[in-house]
Amino acid sequence: LQSKETDVIWALRGGYGCNHLLPDLAKMKKPARAKLLIGISDLTSLHLYLTQKWKWPTWHGPLLDRCGKGEYPEDLDSELW
């Protein structure tokens, strides 16, 4: 989150346990540069926090582990995404 060299945080897998990160995020100073969070599943709590508290953009999109395995629809307008 604090790295000056990244623009995107893309979840590898679902975010089971992300709710446990929220108290620590609340203690952090908001980074100067916004980053895009990409992911689905239990990452919803992070999407909501980053959007509401830090005004960062987020996107409910495919997880990286599924992209690497080819487990995503060829038509990204599919109802699955």
N, C-alpha and C. Protein backbone atom coordinates (compact mmCIF):
# COMPACT_ATOMS: atom_id res chain seq x y z
N LEU A 1 0.81 -1.21 0.00
CA LEU A 1 0.00 0.00 0.00
C LEU A 1 0.85 1.26 0.00
N GLN A 2 1.98 1.21 0.64
CA GLN A 2 2.83 2.40 0.76
C GLN A 2 3.86 2.53 -0.36
N SER A 3 4.03 1.50 -1.16
CA SER A 3 5.05 1.54 -2.21
C SER A 3 4.76 2.65 -3.21
N LYS A 4 5.80 3.38 -3.57
CA LYS A 4 5.67 4.44 -4.56
C LYS A 4 5.82 3.90 -5.98
N GLU A 5 6.16 2.63 -6.10
CA GLU A 5 6.43 2.03 -7.40
C GLU A 5 5.26 1.23 -7.96
N THR A 6 4.15 1.14 -7.23
CA THR A 6 3.02 0.36 -7.71
C THR A 6 1.80 1.25 -7.93
N ASP A 7 1.00 0.86 -8.92
CA ASP A 7 -0.23 1.58 -9.23
C ASP A 7 -1.46 0.72 -8.98
N VAL A 8 -1.25 -0.60 -8.91
CA VAL A 8 -2.36 -1.54 -8.80
C VAL A 8 -2.06 -2.58 -7.73
N ILE A 9 -3.09 -2.92 -6.97
CA ILE A 9 -3.02 -4.05 -6.04
C ILE A 9 -4.02 -5.06 -6.58
N TRP A 10 -3.53 -6.18 -7.09
CA TRP A 10 -4.38 -7.19 -7.73
C TRP A 10 -4.31 -8.45 -6.88
N ALA A 11 -5.43 -8.85 -6.35
CA ALA A 11 -5.47 -10.01 -5.46
C ALA A 11 -5.18 -11.30 -6.22
N LEU A 12 -4.33 -12.10 -5.63
CA LEU A 12 -4.02 -13.41 -6.20
C LEU A 12 -5.18 -14.37 -5.98
N ARG A 13 -5.73 -14.37 -4.78
CA ARG A 13 -6.83 -15.25 -4.41
C ARG A 13 -7.86 -14.46 -3.63
N GLY A 14 -8.94 -15.13 -3.24
CA GLY A 14 -9.98 -14.50 -2.43
C GLY A 14 -9.42 -13.99 -1.13
N GLY A 15 -10.09 -13.05 -0.53
CA GLY A 15 -9.53 -12.37 0.62
C GLY A 15 -10.05 -12.84 1.96
N TYR A 16 -10.13 -14.15 2.19
CA TYR A 16 -10.61 -14.64 3.47
C TYR A 16 -9.78 -14.00 4.58
N GLY A 17 -10.44 -13.37 5.51
CA GLY A 17 -9.74 -12.73 6.62
C GLY A 17 -9.46 -11.25 6.41
N CYS A 18 -9.88 -10.69 5.29
CA CYS A 18 -9.61 -9.26 5.04
C CYS A 18 -10.21 -8.37 6.11
N ASN A 19 -11.31 -8.79 6.70
CA ASN A 19 -11.91 -7.97 7.77
C ASN A 19 -10.93 -7.73 8.91
N HIS A 20 -10.02 -8.67 9.13
CA HIS A 20 -9.04 -8.52 10.21
C HIS A 20 -8.01 -7.43 9.91
N LEU A 21 -7.90 -7.03 8.64
CA LEU A 21 -6.95 -5.98 8.26
C LEU A 21 -7.49 -4.58 8.52
N LEU A 22 -8.80 -4.45 8.62
CA LEU A 22 -9.41 -3.13 8.70
C LEU A 22 -8.94 -2.29 9.90
N PRO A 23 -8.82 -2.86 11.11
CA PRO A 23 -8.32 -2.04 12.22
C PRO A 23 -6.91 -1.49 11.97
N ASP A 24 -6.06 -2.29 11.33
CA ASP A 24 -4.71 -1.81 11.02
C ASP A 24 -4.73 -0.74 9.94
N LEU A 25 -5.61 -0.90 8.95
CA LEU A 25 -5.73 0.13 7.92
C LEU A 25 -6.21 1.45 8.53
N ALA A 26 -7.12 1.35 9.49
CA ALA A 26 -7.64 2.56 10.14
C ALA A 26 -6.55 3.33 10.88
N LYS A 27 -5.50 2.63 11.30
CA LYS A 27 -4.39 3.27 12.00
C LYS A 27 -3.36 3.87 11.05
N MET A 28 -3.37 3.42 9.80
CA MET A 28 -2.40 3.88 8.81
C MET A 28 -2.74 5.27 8.29
N LYS A 29 -1.69 5.97 7.93
CA LYS A 29 -1.89 7.22 7.22
C LYS A 29 -2.20 6.89 5.76
N LYS A 30 -3.17 7.57 5.21
CA LYS A 30 -3.54 7.34 3.81
C LYS A 30 -2.33 7.64 2.92
N PRO A 31 -1.96 6.69 2.05
CA PRO A 31 -0.85 6.94 1.13
C PRO A 31 -1.14 8.13 0.22
N ALA A 32 -0.10 8.81 -0.19
CA ALA A 32 -0.24 10.01 -1.02
C ALA A 32 -0.84 9.69 -2.40
N ARG A 33 -0.46 8.54 -2.94
CA ARG A 33 -0.94 8.15 -4.27
C ARG A 33 -1.99 7.06 -4.15
N ALA A 34 -3.08 7.24 -4.87
CA ALA A 34 -4.12 6.20 -4.92
C ALA A 34 -3.66 5.05 -5.80
N LYS A 35 -4.14 3.86 -5.48
CA LYS A 35 -3.87 2.67 -6.28
C LYS A 35 -5.20 2.01 -6.58
N LEU A 36 -5.23 1.22 -7.61
CA LEU A 36 -6.43 0.48 -7.98
C LEU A 36 -6.39 -0.89 -7.33
N LEU A 37 -7.45 -1.26 -6.61
CA LEU A 37 -7.58 -2.60 -6.04
C LEU A 37 -8.45 -3.43 -6.97
N ILE A 38 -7.95 -4.62 -7.36
CA ILE A 38 -8.71 -5.53 -8.22
C ILE A 38 -8.86 -6.85 -7.49
N GLY A 39 -10.07 -7.38 -7.47
CA GLY A 39 -10.33 -8.68 -6.86
C GLY A 39 -11.80 -8.85 -6.55
N ILE A 40 -12.16 -10.05 -6.14
CA ILE A 40 -13.55 -10.35 -5.79
C ILE A 40 -13.58 -11.14 -4.49
N SER A 41 -14.71 -11.70 -4.20
CA SER A 41 -14.88 -12.57 -3.05
C SER A 41 -14.82 -11.77 -1.76
N ASP A 42 -14.09 -12.27 -0.78
CA ASP A 42 -14.04 -11.62 0.52
C ASP A 42 -13.26 -10.31 0.51
N LEU A 43 -12.72 -9.93 -0.60
CA LEU A 43 -12.05 -8.63 -0.69
C LEU A 43 -13.04 -7.47 -0.65
N THR A 44 -14.31 -7.77 -0.64
CA THR A 44 -15.32 -6.73 -0.61
C THR A 44 -15.11 -5.75 0.54
N SER A 45 -14.70 -6.25 1.69
CA SER A 45 -14.46 -5.36 2.82
C SER A 45 -13.34 -4.36 2.51
N LEU A 46 -12.33 -4.81 1.78
CA LEU A 46 -11.25 -3.90 1.39
C LEU A 46 -11.73 -2.91 0.33
N HIS A 47 -12.54 -3.39 -0.62
CA HIS A 47 -13.11 -2.49 -1.62
C HIS A 47 -13.87 -1.36 -0.93
N LEU A 48 -14.72 -1.72 0.01
CA LEU A 48 -15.53 -0.72 0.70
C LEU A 48 -14.66 0.24 1.51
N TYR A 49 -13.69 -0.28 2.23
CA TYR A 49 -12.82 0.58 3.04
C TYR A 49 -12.05 1.56 2.15
N LEU A 50 -11.38 1.02 1.14
CA LEU A 50 -10.54 1.88 0.30
C LEU A 50 -11.36 2.91 -0.47
N THR A 51 -12.55 2.54 -0.88
CA THR A 51 -13.42 3.48 -1.60
C THR A 51 -13.98 4.55 -0.68
N GLN A 52 -14.47 4.14 0.47
CA GLN A 52 -15.14 5.08 1.36
C GLN A 52 -14.17 5.93 2.17
N LYS A 53 -13.11 5.33 2.67
CA LYS A 53 -12.20 6.07 3.56
C LYS A 53 -11.08 6.78 2.82
N TRP A 54 -10.50 6.10 1.83
CA TRP A 54 -9.35 6.67 1.13
C TRP A 54 -9.70 7.22 -0.24
N LYS A 55 -10.92 7.00 -0.69
CA LYS A 55 -11.39 7.47 -2.02
C LYS A 55 -10.57 6.88 -3.17
N TRP A 56 -10.12 5.65 -2.98
CA TRP A 56 -9.38 4.95 -4.02
C TRP A 56 -10.34 4.25 -4.97
N PRO A 57 -9.95 4.08 -6.24
CA PRO A 57 -10.79 3.30 -7.15
C PRO A 57 -10.61 1.81 -6.89
N THR A 58 -11.66 1.05 -7.06
CA THR A 58 -11.57 -0.40 -6.95
C THR A 58 -12.38 -1.03 -8.06
N TRP A 59 -12.07 -2.28 -8.36
CA TRP A 59 -12.78 -2.99 -9.42
C TRP A 59 -12.97 -4.43 -8.98
N HIS A 60 -14.22 -4.88 -8.95
CA HIS A 60 -14.49 -6.29 -8.70
C HIS A 60 -14.17 -7.03 -9.99
N GLY A 61 -12.98 -7.58 -10.06
CA GLY A 61 -12.50 -8.23 -11.26
C GLY A 61 -11.92 -9.59 -10.95
N PRO A 62 -11.41 -10.27 -11.97
CA PRO A 62 -10.91 -11.63 -11.81
C PRO A 62 -9.68 -11.68 -10.89
N LEU A 63 -9.56 -12.79 -10.19
CA LEU A 63 -8.39 -13.03 -9.34
C LEU A 63 -7.24 -13.53 -10.21
N LEU A 64 -6.03 -13.19 -9.84
CA LEU A 64 -4.86 -13.57 -10.64
C LEU A 64 -4.67 -15.08 -10.74
N ASP A 65 -4.99 -15.82 -9.69
CA ASP A 65 -4.77 -17.27 -9.78
C ASP A 65 -5.68 -17.88 -10.84
N ARG A 66 -6.86 -17.33 -11.05
CA ARG A 66 -7.76 -17.85 -12.08
C ARG A 66 -7.29 -17.45 -13.47
N CYS A 67 -6.75 -16.25 -13.59
CA CYS A 67 -6.24 -15.81 -14.89
C CYS A 67 -5.07 -16.69 -15.31
N GLY A 68 -4.20 -17.02 -14.37
CA GLY A 68 -3.04 -17.86 -14.67
C GLY A 68 -3.42 -19.26 -15.09
N LYS A 69 -4.55 -19.74 -14.61
CA LYS A 69 -5.02 -21.09 -14.96
C LYS A 69 -5.95 -21.06 -16.16
N GLY A 70 -6.25 -19.88 -16.69
CA GLY A 70 -7.18 -19.77 -17.81
C GLY A 70 -8.62 -19.98 -17.38
N GLU A 71 -8.92 -19.80 -16.11
CA GLU A 71 -10.27 -20.03 -15.60
C GLU A 71 -11.08 -18.73 -15.57
N TYR A 72 -11.14 -18.07 -16.67
CA TYR A 72 -11.96 -16.87 -16.77
C TYR A 72 -12.67 -16.92 -18.11
N PRO A 73 -13.83 -16.31 -18.20
CA PRO A 73 -14.59 -16.39 -19.45
C PRO A 73 -13.91 -15.60 -20.55
N GLU A 74 -14.03 -16.12 -21.77
CA GLU A 74 -13.45 -15.40 -22.90
C GLU A 74 -14.19 -14.09 -23.14
N ASP A 75 -15.48 -14.08 -22.84
CA ASP A 75 -16.29 -12.88 -22.97
C ASP A 75 -16.35 -12.21 -21.61
N LEU A 76 -15.58 -11.16 -21.40
CA LEU A 76 -15.53 -10.51 -20.10
C LEU A 76 -16.82 -9.79 -19.74
N ASP A 77 -17.76 -9.70 -20.68
CA ASP A 77 -19.07 -9.14 -20.37
C ASP A 77 -20.00 -10.21 -19.83
N SER A 78 -19.48 -11.38 -19.60
CA SER A 78 -20.26 -12.49 -19.10
C SER A 78 -20.86 -12.16 -17.74
N GLU A 79 -21.95 -12.80 -17.41
CA GLU A 79 -22.59 -12.59 -16.11
C GLU A 79 -21.69 -13.04 -14.97
N LEU A 80 -20.69 -13.87 -15.24
CA LEU A 80 -19.80 -14.33 -14.18
C LEU A 80 -18.94 -13.21 -13.65
N TRP A 81 -18.69 -12.20 -14.44
CA TRP A 81 -17.79 -11.12 -14.02
C TRP A 81 -18.61 -9.89 -13.84
